């Protein structure tokens, strides 16, 4: 799987290995990574899913679109 003589992994390869190891799709790990990078640890709350954090991350479509109804 490594693509160089030094046996180094790309970020994508590393994420894929982790996803395979825990039994989820790589895209799921990428979503978690995206949310974690945008919500600093001191701003996270226990019990709030990464989906909510992803959807309310700075710059996401959901934060730019007002909630109506």
N, C-alpha and C. Protein backbone atom coordinates (compact mmCIF):
# COMPACT_ATOMS: atom_id res chain seq x y z
N UNK A 1 0.80 -1.20 0.00
CA UNK A 1 0.00 0.00 0.00
C UNK A 1 0.85 1.27 0.00
N UNK A 2 1.95 1.33 0.76
CA UNK A 2 2.78 2.54 0.67
C UNK A 2 3.24 2.76 -0.76
N UNK A 3 3.41 4.02 -1.13
CA UNK A 3 3.72 4.31 -2.52
C UNK A 3 5.13 4.85 -2.72
N UNK A 4 6.01 4.65 -1.76
CA UNK A 4 7.38 5.10 -1.94
C UNK A 4 8.35 4.07 -1.37
N UNK A 5 9.60 4.23 -1.70
CA UNK A 5 10.63 3.30 -1.24
C UNK A 5 10.83 3.38 0.28
N UNK A 6 10.45 4.48 0.89
CA UNK A 6 10.63 4.66 2.34
C UNK A 6 9.51 4.05 3.17
N UNK A 7 8.56 3.39 2.52
CA UNK A 7 7.43 2.78 3.21
C UNK A 7 6.60 3.80 3.99
N UNK A 8 6.46 4.99 3.45
CA UNK A 8 5.62 6.00 4.06
C UNK A 8 4.21 5.91 3.49
N UNK A 9 3.23 6.31 4.27
CA UNK A 9 1.85 6.30 3.84
C UNK A 9 1.38 7.72 3.57
N UNK A 10 0.53 7.88 2.58
CA UNK A 10 -0.12 9.17 2.37
C UNK A 10 -1.22 9.32 3.41
N UNK A 11 -1.75 10.52 3.54
CA UNK A 11 -2.86 10.74 4.47
C UNK A 11 -4.04 9.85 4.08
N UNK A 12 -4.34 9.81 2.80
CA UNK A 12 -5.47 8.99 2.33
C UNK A 12 -5.25 7.52 2.67
N UNK A 13 -4.04 7.02 2.46
CA UNK A 13 -3.75 5.62 2.79
C UNK A 13 -3.87 5.37 4.29
N UNK A 14 -3.39 6.30 5.08
CA UNK A 14 -3.49 6.15 6.54
C UNK A 14 -4.94 6.15 7.00
N UNK A 15 -5.74 7.06 6.44
CA UNK A 15 -7.16 7.10 6.79
C UNK A 15 -7.86 5.81 6.37
N UNK A 16 -7.49 5.28 5.21
CA UNK A 16 -8.09 4.04 4.73
C UNK A 16 -7.73 2.88 5.65
N UNK A 17 -6.48 2.79 6.07
CA UNK A 17 -6.07 1.73 7.00
C UNK A 17 -6.85 1.81 8.31
N UNK A 18 -6.98 3.01 8.84
CA UNK A 18 -7.73 3.19 10.08
C UNK A 18 -9.19 2.82 9.89
N UNK A 19 -9.78 3.27 8.79
CA UNK A 19 -11.19 2.96 8.51
C UNK A 19 -11.40 1.46 8.40
N UNK A 20 -10.50 0.79 7.70
CA UNK A 20 -10.60 -0.68 7.57
C UNK A 20 -10.48 -1.34 8.93
N UNK A 21 -9.58 -0.83 9.75
CA UNK A 21 -9.34 -1.43 11.07
C UNK A 21 -10.57 -1.32 11.97
N UNK A 22 -11.26 -0.18 11.92
CA UNK A 22 -12.42 0.00 12.81
C UNK A 22 -13.74 -0.36 12.13
N UNK A 23 -13.68 -0.69 10.83
CA UNK A 23 -14.88 -1.18 10.14
C UNK A 23 -15.84 -0.12 9.65
N UNK A 24 -15.31 1.04 9.25
CA UNK A 24 -16.17 2.08 8.68
C UNK A 24 -15.60 2.50 7.33
N UNK A 25 -16.37 3.26 6.58
CA UNK A 25 -15.90 3.78 5.30
C UNK A 25 -14.87 4.88 5.54
N UNK A 26 -13.92 5.02 4.62
CA UNK A 26 -12.92 6.07 4.73
C UNK A 26 -13.58 7.45 4.79
N UNK A 27 -14.65 7.64 4.03
CA UNK A 27 -15.34 8.93 4.01
C UNK A 27 -15.85 9.31 5.41
N UNK A 28 -16.25 8.32 6.19
CA UNK A 28 -16.71 8.56 7.56
C UNK A 28 -15.56 9.11 8.39
N UNK A 29 -14.38 8.49 8.28
CA UNK A 29 -13.21 8.97 9.01
C UNK A 29 -12.85 10.38 8.55
N UNK A 30 -12.96 10.64 7.25
CA UNK A 30 -12.68 11.98 6.72
C UNK A 30 -13.65 13.01 7.30
N UNK A 31 -14.91 12.64 7.44
CA UNK A 31 -15.91 13.53 8.06
C UNK A 31 -15.54 13.83 9.51
N UNK A 32 -15.16 12.79 10.25
CA UNK A 32 -14.76 12.98 11.65
C UNK A 32 -13.56 13.91 11.73
N UNK A 33 -12.61 13.70 10.84
CA UNK A 33 -11.38 14.51 10.82
C UNK A 33 -11.70 15.97 10.51
N UNK A 34 -12.58 16.18 9.54
CA UNK A 34 -13.00 17.53 9.16
C UNK A 34 -13.62 18.25 10.36
N UNK A 35 -14.55 17.57 11.03
CA UNK A 35 -15.23 18.19 12.18
C UNK A 35 -14.25 18.46 13.32
N UNK A 36 -13.36 17.51 13.59
CA UNK A 36 -12.40 17.67 14.69
C UNK A 36 -11.44 18.82 14.42
N UNK A 37 -11.09 19.02 13.17
CA UNK A 37 -10.18 20.11 12.82
C UNK A 37 -10.84 21.48 12.96
N UNK A 38 -12.14 21.54 12.88
CA UNK A 38 -12.85 22.82 12.94
C UNK A 38 -13.43 23.13 14.32
N UNK A 39 -13.54 22.12 15.16
CA UNK A 39 -14.03 22.34 16.52
C UNK A 39 -12.89 22.01 17.48
N UNK A 40 -12.28 23.04 18.01
CA UNK A 40 -11.19 22.84 18.96
C UNK A 40 -11.70 22.10 20.18
N UNK A 41 -10.84 21.33 20.78
CA UNK A 41 -11.22 20.47 21.90
C UNK A 41 -11.96 21.24 23.00
N UNK A 42 -11.51 22.46 23.29
CA UNK A 42 -12.16 23.22 24.38
C UNK A 42 -13.57 23.69 24.02
N UNK A 43 -13.96 23.58 22.75
CA UNK A 43 -15.30 23.99 22.32
C UNK A 43 -16.23 22.80 22.08
N UNK A 44 -15.73 21.60 22.24
CA UNK A 44 -16.55 20.40 22.03
C UNK A 44 -17.35 20.09 23.29
N UNK A 45 -18.51 19.47 23.08
CA UNK A 45 -19.33 19.05 24.21
C UNK A 45 -19.61 17.57 24.10
N UNK A 46 -19.54 16.90 25.22
CA UNK A 46 -19.83 15.47 25.26
C UNK A 46 -21.29 15.25 24.86
N UNK A 47 -21.52 14.23 24.07
CA UNK A 47 -22.87 13.90 23.65
C UNK A 47 -23.32 14.55 22.35
N UNK A 48 -22.51 15.45 21.81
CA UNK A 48 -22.84 16.08 20.52
C UNK A 48 -22.09 15.33 19.44
N UNK A 49 -22.82 14.81 18.46
CA UNK A 49 -22.22 13.96 17.44
C UNK A 49 -21.32 14.75 16.50
N UNK A 50 -20.43 14.03 15.85
CA UNK A 50 -19.57 14.67 14.85
C UNK A 50 -20.39 15.16 13.66
N UNK A 51 -21.53 14.54 13.41
CA UNK A 51 -22.40 15.01 12.32
C UNK A 51 -22.89 16.42 12.61
N UNK A 52 -23.33 16.66 13.83
CA UNK A 52 -23.79 18.00 14.21
C UNK A 52 -22.62 18.98 14.14
N UNK A 53 -21.48 18.57 14.66
CA UNK A 53 -20.30 19.44 14.62
C UNK A 53 -19.89 19.74 13.18
N UNK A 54 -19.94 18.72 12.32
CA UNK A 54 -19.60 18.93 10.92
C UNK A 54 -20.57 19.90 10.27
N UNK A 55 -21.86 19.69 10.51
CA UNK A 55 -22.88 20.52 9.88
C UNK A 55 -22.87 21.96 10.40
N UNK A 56 -22.37 22.17 11.59
CA UNK A 56 -22.33 23.51 12.18
C UNK A 56 -20.91 24.08 12.22
N UNK A 57 -20.01 23.46 11.47
CA UNK A 57 -18.64 23.95 11.41
C UNK A 57 -18.58 25.28 10.68
N UNK A 58 -17.66 26.13 11.07
CA UNK A 58 -17.49 27.40 10.35
C UNK A 58 -17.25 27.15 8.86
N UNK A 59 -18.03 27.81 8.03
CA UNK A 59 -17.88 27.68 6.59
C UNK A 59 -18.73 26.59 5.95
N UNK A 60 -19.42 25.77 6.75
CA UNK A 60 -20.26 24.73 6.15
C UNK A 60 -21.52 25.36 5.56
N UNK A 61 -22.14 24.66 4.65
CA UNK A 61 -23.36 25.16 4.01
C UNK A 61 -24.44 25.42 5.05
N UNK A 62 -24.56 24.55 6.04
CA UNK A 62 -25.61 24.69 7.05
C UNK A 62 -25.44 25.95 7.88
N UNK A 63 -24.19 26.38 8.14
CA UNK A 63 -24.02 27.58 8.96
C UNK A 63 -24.26 28.84 8.15
N UNK A 64 -24.21 28.75 6.83
CA UNK A 64 -24.46 29.93 5.99
C UNK A 64 -25.93 30.01 5.61
N UNK A 65 -26.68 28.95 5.81
CA UNK A 65 -28.08 28.91 5.42
C UNK A 65 -28.95 29.07 6.67
N UNK A 66 -29.78 30.09 6.73
CA UNK A 66 -30.63 30.27 7.91
C UNK A 66 -31.64 29.13 8.02
N UNK A 67 -31.95 28.76 9.25
CA UNK A 67 -32.96 27.73 9.49
C UNK A 67 -34.32 28.42 9.46
N UNK A 68 -35.21 27.90 8.63
CA UNK A 68 -36.54 28.48 8.51
C UNK A 68 -37.59 27.44 8.88
N UNK A 69 -38.79 27.91 9.12
CA UNK A 69 -39.87 26.96 9.33
C UNK A 69 -40.43 27.09 10.63
